[in-house]
Protein backbone atom coordinates (compact mmCIF):
# COMPACT_ATOMS: atom_id res chain seq x y z
CA MET A 1 8.36 7.23 9.12
CA LEU A 2 9.55 3.84 7.84
CA ALA A 3 8.26 2.48 4.52
CA ASP A 4 9.24 -0.54 2.44
CA SER A 5 7.57 0.13 -0.95
CA ASP A 6 6.09 2.86 -3.12
CA THR A 7 2.48 2.46 -1.98
CA ARG A 8 3.43 2.18 1.66
CA TRP A 9 5.57 5.31 1.36
CA LYS A 10 2.49 7.07 0.00
CA TRP A 11 0.32 5.86 2.87
CA GLY A 12 2.93 6.49 5.55
CA ALA A 13 3.99 9.97 4.43
CA LEU A 14 0.43 11.20 4.00
CA THR A 15 -0.68 9.59 7.27
CA ALA A 16 2.17 11.33 9.09
CA HIS A 17 0.98 14.67 7.74
CA ARG A 18 -2.63 13.89 8.69
CA ILE A 19 -1.88 12.98 12.31
CA ALA A 20 0.90 15.53 12.89
CA PRO A 21 0.24 18.43 10.50
CA GLY A 22 3.13 20.84 10.23
CA GLY A 23 5.57 18.48 11.92
CA ARG A 24 9.00 17.53 10.65
CA LEU A 25 9.05 14.32 8.59
CA ASP A 26 12.15 12.14 8.56
CA GLY A 27 11.72 9.35 6.03
CA PHE A 28 13.38 5.95 6.28
CA LEU A 29 13.22 3.42 3.44
CA LEU A 30 13.55 -0.20 4.53
CA ARG A 31 16.16 -1.77 2.28
CA GLY A 32 14.71 -4.56 0.13
CA ARG A 33 13.54 -5.64 -3.30
CA ALA A 34 10.71 -3.05 -3.40
CA THR A 35 12.60 0.08 -2.31
CA PRO A 36 10.97 2.90 -4.33
CA THR A 37 12.77 5.11 -6.83
CA VAL A 38 13.13 8.89 -6.66
CA ARG A 39 10.30 9.26 -9.22
CA GLN A 40 7.97 7.08 -7.17
CA LEU A 41 8.71 9.09 -4.04
CA ALA A 42 8.18 12.41 -5.83
CA GLU A 43 4.89 11.19 -7.31
CA VAL A 44 3.33 11.19 -3.84
CA GLY A 45 3.90 14.93 -3.52
CA VAL A 46 5.32 14.78 0.02
CA ARG A 47 8.90 15.99 0.45
CA PRO A 48 10.53 14.63 3.62
CA ASP A 49 12.85 16.81 5.65
CA ALA A 50 15.38 13.95 5.60
CA LEU A 51 15.55 10.65 3.75
CA ARG A 52 17.67 7.59 4.41
CA GLU A 53 17.73 3.96 3.31
CA VAL A 54 18.25 1.54 6.18
CA THR A 55 18.12 -2.07 7.27
CA GLY A 56 15.80 -3.09 10.08
CA THR A 57 18.56 -3.11 12.67
CA GLU A 58 19.80 0.28 11.50
CA PHE A 59 16.31 1.72 11.84
CA VAL A 60 15.70 0.63 15.42
CA HIS A 61 18.99 2.23 16.43
CA ALA A 62 18.32 5.39 14.37
CA VAL A 63 15.02 6.21 16.10
CA ASP A 64 16.17 8.53 18.86
CA ARG A 65 13.49 8.36 21.54
CA ASP A 66 14.23 11.97 22.58
CA ARG A 67 14.17 13.35 19.05
CA TYR A 68 10.94 11.86 17.71
CA ASP A 69 7.41 12.19 19.07
CA VAL A 70 5.73 9.80 16.61
CA VAL A 71 6.97 6.83 14.58
CA VAL A 72 4.84 5.64 11.65
CA LEU A 73 5.53 2.08 10.48
CA ALA A 74 4.28 1.78 6.90
CA CYS A 75 5.48 -1.73 6.11
CA VAL A 76 4.29 -5.27 5.46
CA GLY A 77 3.10 -7.05 8.60
CA GLY A 78 6.26 -9.05 9.27
CA ALA A 79 8.43 -5.94 9.07
CA VAL A 80 6.11 -4.07 11.42
CA GLN A 81 6.30 -6.90 13.96
CA ALA A 82 10.08 -7.00 13.75
CA MET A 83 10.37 -3.23 14.20
CA LEU A 84 8.01 -3.34 17.21
CA HIS A 85 10.19 -5.97 18.90
CA GLY A 86 13.39 -4.19 17.90
CA LEU A 87 12.18 -0.82 19.17
CA ALA A 88 10.86 -2.43 22.37
CA ALA A 89 14.28 -3.94 23.04
CA THR A 90 16.11 -0.69 22.25
CA TRP A 91 13.81 1.42 24.46
CA ARG A 92 13.57 -1.11 27.30
CA GLY A 93 13.86 0.54 30.71
CA ARG A 94 13.37 4.04 29.34
CA PRO A 95 10.09 5.75 30.27
CA ARG A 96 10.15 8.31 27.46
CA ARG A 97 9.50 6.98 23.99
CA PRO A 98 7.70 8.02 20.77
CA VAL A 99 4.10 7.06 19.97
CA VAL A 100 4.11 4.20 17.43
CA VAL A 101 1.47 4.15 14.67
CA THR A 102 0.82 1.60 11.93
CA GLY A 103 -1.98 0.45 9.63
CA TYR A 104 -2.86 -0.74 6.14
CA VAL A 105 -2.25 0.86 2.75
CA GLY A 106 -5.68 0.09 1.33
CA VAL A 107 -8.38 -2.55 1.07
CA VAL A 108 -7.81 -5.43 3.51
CA TYR A 109 -9.15 -8.45 1.67
CA GLU A 110 -6.76 -11.25 2.61
CA LYS A 111 -4.67 -12.50 5.55
CA LEU A 112 -6.76 -10.42 7.94
CA ALA A 113 -5.84 -12.24 11.16
CA ASP A 114 -2.19 -12.77 10.17
CA GLY A 115 -1.60 -9.18 9.14
CA LEU A 116 -3.42 -7.71 12.12
CA LEU A 117 -1.64 -9.79 14.76
CA LEU A 118 1.70 -8.90 13.16
CA ARG A 119 0.77 -5.22 13.63
CA HIS A 120 -0.40 -5.65 17.21
CA GLY A 121 1.73 -3.83 19.75
CA ALA A 122 1.69 -0.41 18.12
CA ASP A 123 -0.01 2.33 20.15
CA LEU A 124 -2.38 3.00 17.25
CA VAL A 125 -3.43 0.55 14.54
CA LEU A 126 -5.26 2.74 12.06
CA ALA A 127 -8.38 1.37 10.36
CA ASN A 128 -9.32 3.02 7.08
CA SER A 129 -13.07 2.68 7.69
CA ARG A 130 -15.76 1.78 10.20
CA HIS A 131 -15.98 -1.61 8.51
CA ASP A 132 -12.27 -2.25 9.07
CA ALA A 133 -12.32 -0.94 12.65
CA GLU A 134 -15.04 -3.43 13.60
CA ARG A 135 -13.18 -6.32 11.95
CA PHE A 136 -9.86 -5.35 13.53
CA ARG A 137 -11.31 -5.21 17.04
CA ALA A 138 -13.04 -8.56 16.54
CA VAL A 139 -9.74 -10.22 15.55
CA TYR A 140 -7.83 -8.81 18.52
CA GLU A 141 -10.57 -9.60 21.01
CA GLY A 142 -10.90 -13.10 19.58
CA ALA A 143 -7.20 -13.71 20.17
CA GLY A 144 -7.35 -12.27 23.66
CA ALA A 145 -5.22 -9.29 22.64
CA PRO A 146 -5.99 -5.70 23.74
CA ALA A 147 -7.95 -3.89 21.01
CA ASP A 148 -7.90 -0.36 22.42
CA GLY A 149 -5.24 0.71 19.90
CA VAL A 150 -7.56 0.25 16.91
CA THR A 151 -8.48 3.74 15.71
CA GLU A 152 -10.94 4.49 12.92
CA CYS A 153 -9.85 7.04 10.33
CA ALA A 154 -9.75 6.88 6.51
CA LEU A 155 -7.32 6.42 3.66
CA PRO A 156 -4.99 9.45 3.82
CA PHE A 157 -4.83 9.99 0.06
CA LEU A 158 -8.50 10.58 -0.67
CA GLY A 159 -9.31 14.02 -2.00
CA GLY A 160 -9.35 16.02 -5.20
CA ALA A 161 -12.09 17.87 -7.02
CA ARG A 162 -15.60 16.44 -7.02
CA TYR A 163 -16.55 14.94 -10.39
CA ALA A 164 -18.90 17.34 -12.19
CA GLY A 165 -19.30 15.54 -15.50
CA ARG A 166 -17.30 15.67 -18.70
CA PRO A 167 -16.38 19.25 -19.63
CA PRO A 168 -17.09 20.41 -23.20
CA GLY A 169 -14.32 19.67 -25.65
CA ARG A 170 -12.76 16.77 -23.72
CA PRO A 171 -13.35 13.22 -24.95
CA TYR A 172 -15.14 10.81 -22.62
CA THR A 173 -12.34 9.04 -20.74
CA LEU A 174 -12.29 5.54 -19.26
CA ALA A 175 -9.34 4.71 -17.02
CA PHE A 176 -8.47 1.09 -16.26
CA ALA A 177 -6.50 0.95 -13.00
CA ALA A 178 -4.14 -2.00 -13.42
CA GLN A 179 -2.63 -3.89 -10.49
CA PRO A 180 0.80 -5.55 -10.35
CA SER A 181 -0.36 -8.94 -9.06
CA VAL A 182 -4.15 -9.09 -9.58
CA PRO A 183 -4.88 -11.09 -11.60
CA ASP A 184 -1.65 -13.07 -11.70
CA ARG A 185 -2.31 -15.38 -14.69
CA LYS A 186 -1.04 -14.28 -18.09
CA GLU A 187 -4.29 -15.36 -19.77
CA ASP A 188 -6.36 -13.23 -17.42
CA ARG A 189 -4.14 -10.17 -17.84
CA MET A 190 -4.20 -10.54 -21.62
CA TYR A 191 -7.99 -10.82 -21.43
CA LEU A 192 -8.32 -7.57 -19.47
CA LEU A 193 -5.95 -5.76 -21.83
CA GLU A 194 -7.79 -7.08 -24.87
CA ARG A 195 -11.15 -5.97 -23.44
CA ALA A 196 -9.84 -2.48 -22.76
CA ALA A 197 -8.59 -2.31 -26.36
CA ARG A 198 -11.92 -3.68 -27.62
CA HIS A 199 -13.80 -1.02 -25.67
CA ALA A 200 -11.63 1.65 -27.30
CA ARG A 201 -12.34 0.25 -30.78
CA ARG A 202 -16.05 0.00 -30.02
CA HIS A 203 -16.07 3.65 -28.86
CA PRO A 204 -13.61 5.52 -31.12
CA ASP A 205 -14.81 8.84 -29.69
CA ARG A 206 -13.61 7.80 -26.23
CA GLU A 207 -10.14 7.78 -24.71
CA VAL A 208 -9.12 4.63 -22.83
CA LEU A 209 -6.22 4.97 -20.40
CA ILE A 210 -4.33 1.98 -18.95
CA LYS A 211 -3.15 3.40 -15.61
CA LEU A 212 0.05 1.57 -14.66
CA ARG A 213 1.70 1.65 -11.26
CA SER A 214 5.33 1.63 -12.34
CA LYS A 215 7.62 2.03 -15.30
CA PRO A 216 9.78 -0.88 -16.50
CA GLY A 217 12.59 -1.55 -14.02
CA GLU A 218 10.94 0.18 -11.08
CA HIS A 219 10.15 -1.63 -7.85
CA THR A 220 6.63 -1.97 -6.46
CA THR A 221 4.99 -3.55 -3.44
CA HIS A 222 4.36 -6.67 -5.54
CA ILE A 223 6.83 -7.79 -8.19
CA GLU A 224 4.98 -7.71 -11.50
CA GLU A 225 5.80 -10.90 -13.40
CA LEU A 226 3.73 -9.92 -16.45
CA PRO A 227 3.81 -6.13 -16.95
CA TYR A 228 1.01 -4.81 -19.16
CA GLN A 229 3.62 -2.88 -21.15
CA LYS A 230 5.09 -6.18 -22.38
CA LEU A 231 1.72 -7.84 -22.88
CA ALA A 232 0.54 -4.95 -25.06
CA VAL A 233 3.28 -5.78 -27.58
CA ARG A 234 1.79 -9.29 -27.95
CA LEU A 235 -1.78 -8.07 -28.33
CA PRO A 236 -3.10 -8.93 -31.82
CA GLY A 237 -3.41 -5.64 -33.64
CA GLY A 238 -1.80 -3.77 -30.77
CA LEU A 239 -3.52 -1.00 -28.87
CA PRO A 240 -5.78 1.29 -30.92
CA PRO A 241 -4.82 4.99 -31.18
CA ASN A 242 -7.35 5.99 -28.49
CA CYS A 243 -6.01 3.47 -25.97
CA ARG A 244 -2.68 4.07 -24.27
CA PRO A 245 -0.76 3.43 -21.04
CA VAL A 246 -0.27 6.28 -18.57
CA TYR A 247 1.78 6.75 -15.40
CA GLY A 248 1.83 9.32 -12.65
CA HIS A 249 -0.30 10.35 -9.70
CA MET A 250 -3.69 8.62 -9.53
CA GLY A 251 -5.37 11.87 -8.56
CA GLU A 252 -4.21 13.55 -11.76
CA VAL A 253 -5.61 10.67 -13.81
CA LEU A 254 -8.94 10.90 -11.97
CA ASP A 255 -9.06 14.61 -12.80
CA ARG A 256 -9.78 13.61 -16.40
CA THR A 257 -11.66 10.35 -15.84
CA ASP A 258 -15.36 9.79 -16.49
CA LEU A 259 -15.36 6.06 -15.66
CA LEU A 260 -12.83 4.22 -13.47
CA VAL A 261 -12.56 0.47 -14.13
CA THR A 262 -10.55 -1.99 -12.04
CA VAL A 263 -10.49 -5.50 -10.65
CA SER A 264 -10.01 -4.46 -7.03
CA SER A 265 -7.58 -1.53 -6.85
CA THR A 266 -7.78 0.99 -4.02
CA ALA A 267 -8.15 3.49 -6.86
CA ALA A 268 -11.83 2.48 -6.83
CA LEU A 269 -12.20 4.05 -3.38
CA GLU A 270 -10.39 7.18 -4.56
CA ALA A 271 -12.78 7.46 -7.49
CA LEU A 272 -15.88 6.83 -5.36
CA HIS A 273 -14.74 9.49 -2.91
CA ARG A 274 -14.72 12.00 -5.75
CA GLY A 275 -18.01 10.82 -7.23
CA VAL A 276 -16.38 9.39 -10.37
CA PRO A 277 -18.47 6.51 -11.81
CA THR A 278 -16.67 3.31 -10.82
CA ALA A 279 -16.85 -0.27 -12.09
CA VAL A 280 -15.33 -3.29 -10.33
CA LEU A 281 -14.99 -6.05 -12.90
CA THR A 282 -16.72 -9.41 -12.54
CA ASP A 283 -15.38 -10.92 -15.80
CA LEU A 284 -12.93 -13.19 -13.98
CA GLY A 285 -15.42 -14.07 -11.27
CA ILE A 286 -16.00 -12.59 -7.84
CA ARG A 287 -13.26 -14.36 -5.92
CA GLU A 288 -11.20 -13.81 -2.80
CA PRO A 289 -7.82 -14.07 -4.59
CA LEU A 290 -8.90 -11.19 -6.84
CA GLY A 291 -10.09 -9.02 -3.96
CA ASN A 292 -13.23 -7.92 -5.77
CA HIS A 293 -15.36 -9.77 -3.22
CA HIS A 294 -14.65 -6.77 -0.98
CA PHE A 295 -17.02 -4.77 -3.20
CA LEU A 296 -20.04 -7.01 -2.69
CA GLY A 297 -22.96 -4.73 -1.89
CA SER A 298 -21.21 -1.66 -3.29
CA GLY A 299 -23.35 -1.42 -6.42
CA CYS A 300 -20.14 -1.15 -8.48
CA LEU A 301 -19.82 -4.73 -9.77
CA ALA A 302 -20.05 -4.91 -13.56
CA SER A 303 -18.62 -6.72 -16.59
CA TRP A 304 -16.91 -5.39 -19.68
CA ASP A 305 -19.96 -6.41 -21.72
CA GLN A 306 -22.15 -4.19 -19.57
CA LEU A 307 -19.70 -1.29 -19.81
CA ASP A 308 -19.44 -1.71 -23.59
CA ALA A 309 -23.23 -1.35 -23.72
CA GLY A 310 -23.13 1.92 -21.77
CA HIS A 311 -23.90 0.76 -18.23
CA LEU A 312 -22.76 3.08 -15.42
CA PRO A 313 -22.74 1.51 -11.93
CA VAL A 314 -24.39 3.49 -9.14
CA PRO A 315 -22.68 3.10 -5.72
CA ASP A 316 -24.69 2.28 -2.63
CA PRO A 317 -24.31 5.21 -0.17
CA ALA A 318 -24.58 2.98 2.92
CA TRP A 319 -21.73 0.80 1.63
CA THR A 320 -19.47 3.74 0.78
CA ALA A 321 -20.09 5.29 4.21
CA ARG A 322 -18.94 2.11 5.98
CA GLN A 323 -15.85 1.97 3.77
CA GLY A 324 -14.56 5.40 4.78
CA VAL A 325 -15.50 6.96 1.44
CA ALA A 326 -17.01 10.34 2.27
CA PRO A 327 -18.15 12.34 -0.75
CA ASP A 328 -20.41 14.35 1.60
CA GLY A 329 -17.55 16.51 2.92
CA THR A 330 -17.04 14.79 6.28
CA TYR A 331 -13.64 13.42 5.22
CA GLU A 332 -11.81 16.44 6.63
CA HIS A 333 -12.68 15.21 10.14
CA ALA A 334 -11.74 11.57 9.51
CA PHE A 335 -8.37 11.92 11.28
CA ASP A 336 -9.56 13.97 14.25
CA THR A 337 -9.70 11.00 16.63
CA ALA A 338 -6.29 9.66 15.56
CA ARG A 339 -4.77 13.13 15.87
CA GLU A 340 -6.22 13.60 19.37
CA ARG A 341 -5.05 10.16 20.54
CA VAL A 342 -1.52 10.73 19.25
CA ALA A 343 -1.36 14.14 20.92
CA GLU A 344 -2.65 12.75 24.22
CA LEU A 345 -0.16 9.87 24.23
CA ALA A 346 2.75 12.08 23.18
CA ALA A 347 2.00 14.46 26.06
CA ARG A 348 2.29 11.72 28.71
CA PRO A 349 5.53 11.77 30.69
CA VAL A 350 5.62 7.96 30.70
CA LEU A 351 4.29 5.43 28.17
CA PRO A 352 4.14 1.69 28.86
CA PRO A 353 6.60 -0.52 26.96
CA LEU A 354 5.55 -1.75 23.54
CA ALA A 355 3.81 -5.09 24.07
CA PRO A 356 3.10 -7.05 20.84
CA TYR A 357 0.74 -10.02 21.08
CA TYR A 358 3.33 -12.31 19.51
CA THR A 359 6.04 -13.25 22.00
CA ALA A 360 8.35 -16.19 22.59
CA ARG A 361 5.52 -17.59 24.73
CA THR A 362 2.52 -17.09 22.41
CA ALA A 363 4.25 -17.90 19.08
CA PRO A 364 7.56 -19.72 19.74
CA GLY A 365 7.45 -21.49 16.37
CA TYR A 366 6.59 -18.39 14.32
CA LEU A 367 8.03 -15.21 15.83
CA PRO A 368 11.77 -16.10 15.69
CA GLY A 369 11.58 -16.58 11.91
CA VAL A 370 9.75 -13.26 11.45
CA LEU A 371 12.38 -11.42 13.47
CA ALA A 372 15.33 -13.21 11.87
CA ARG A 373 14.29 -12.01 8.41
CA HIS A 374 15.03 -8.50 9.65
CA GLY A 375 18.24 -9.29 11.49
CA LEU A 376 16.80 -9.63 15.01
CA ASP A 377 16.96 -12.46 17.52
CA PRO A 378 13.88 -13.67 19.51
CA THR A 379 14.48 -10.93 22.11
CA GLY A 380 14.49 -8.14 19.50
CA ARG A 381 18.24 -7.65 19.68
CA PRO A 382 20.41 -7.67 16.52
CA LEU A 383 21.67 -11.06 15.44
CA PRO A 384 25.45 -11.51 15.46
CA GLY A 385 26.93 -9.58 12.56
CA ARG A 386 23.71 -7.61 11.96
CA ALA A 387 24.22 -4.79 14.44
CA ALA A 388 24.02 -1.23 13.20
CA PRO A 389 27.42 0.10 12.12
CA GLY A 390 29.24 1.93 14.87
CA ARG A 391 30.85 4.48 12.58
CA PRO A 392 29.90 6.17 9.30
CA GLU A 393 30.74 4.37 6.07
CA SER A 394 33.21 5.86 3.66
CA ALA A 395 31.93 7.25 0.37
CA LEU A 396 33.56 4.33 -1.49
CA ALA A 397 31.91 1.78 0.81
CA ARG A 398 28.49 3.40 0.28
CA LEU A 399 28.92 3.44 -3.49
CA THR A 400 30.08 -0.18 -3.56
CA ARG A 401 27.24 -1.37 -1.34
CA GLY A 402 24.72 0.63 -3.37
CA ALA A 403 25.94 -0.85 -6.65
CA LEU A 404 25.80 -4.39 -5.28
CA ARG A 405 22.32 -3.79 -3.88
CA ASP A 406 21.01 -2.42 -7.20
CA ALA A 407 22.53 -5.40 -9.04
CA ALA A 408 20.87 -7.81 -6.61
CA ARG A 409 17.49 -6.12 -7.09
CA SER A 410 17.83 -6.27 -10.87
CA ALA A 411 18.76 -9.95 -10.69
CA TYR A 412 15.76 -10.64 -8.47
CA ARG A 413 13.40 -8.82 -10.82
CA HIS A 414 14.86 -10.64 -13.83
CA GLY A 415 14.36 -13.96 -12.08
CA VAL A 416 10.74 -13.18 -11.24
CA GLN A 417 9.77 -11.70 -14.60
CA ARG A 418 11.81 -13.87 -16.98
CA VAL A 419 13.16 -17.05 -15.41
CA ALA A 420 10.22 -18.05 -13.18
CA PRO A 421 7.60 -17.96 -15.98
CA VAL A 422 9.83 -20.14 -18.20
CA ILE A 423 10.28 -22.69 -15.40
CA ARG A 424 6.52 -22.77 -14.83
CA ARG A 425 5.87 -23.32 -18.54
CA LEU A 426 8.40 -26.18 -18.61
CA GLY A 427 6.69 -27.72 -15.59
CA GLU A 428 3.37 -27.72 -17.43
CA LEU A 429 4.74 -29.72 -20.37
């Protein structure tokens, strides 16, 4: 399984266990700015049998077609497309190859066509709901691309105990699921933080948790320019005693949550699956860049004013059913079809070559740039100087390269979180 960030590691590792329960899991981390830390990997609760950090070219040469039965690509669309072309080139002329699976980490609310066509070519493109499966097939069929690989399942990390109300002795708990890049404006993020603090002051008998994705210095799928930890220091009056940031596994936070509040986090689907009252905020508008438009018709849209007054949204069961949220107990069968398709394909003596929609003929002005970002030429072969190393590195070489890589990541993060905001402010003068 190849992943390029913390959330995609979570999706990929859990998906691998859903479609191949009991199988060996070899984890590969695609080297980049969002490579997860040991803590982030452990938080998922899946321990791989082997773990290795690789470049794209190293990965395509590391996937032994005789050793692996299934390859799960849990990456951003461009990386998936590059790996598909790289693997196709490496396996060319060989009838035996692994089954290749890919999909999306959560709610698909932007770049639908772009992301889907970049994932085309995998044997299975997993859709997390009936709603997504219908949209995915429509995009592929509209482009004239085969859509038979689209397979309906569900998010692999749904689960946990069904919400049964607040137990005696525990304070009523509201959890605000923050997102690294939604919203992206400082004013909007300060507003959300201030409203969470105001709710805590208005209800001193309640506990308000600010659920954060990462600790300072950690890498996430999206670089967080304005971490809530830093914004909290600037909040007039600070956070009240009954309002505090928390980290860790989302499921553990939901175990003690009576109301989940978010702008558009996938945590909303986790909460709905468990029957936890869920509010998707409308304070900043219902807008595509925020992703909360995805929840139109859900019954979960609400404002902080309404929540302050005691309103509890009631989800629409027809909407949740179409979104792969199954509080009725049918979730355990959500991966049956994907599991059967993988098993059937893996049992074939010969599989056809991987055939992505994007080729030098269909996208000659787009595909070469996508592949080049991952060290591959337009044919899927390594660019000069980017081939996988022919012999193992020495310990000193590994340490040196690791130190340089960590320094580069820190410099990138510093530039995004410190330098870029200053430049933007100067440009507004």
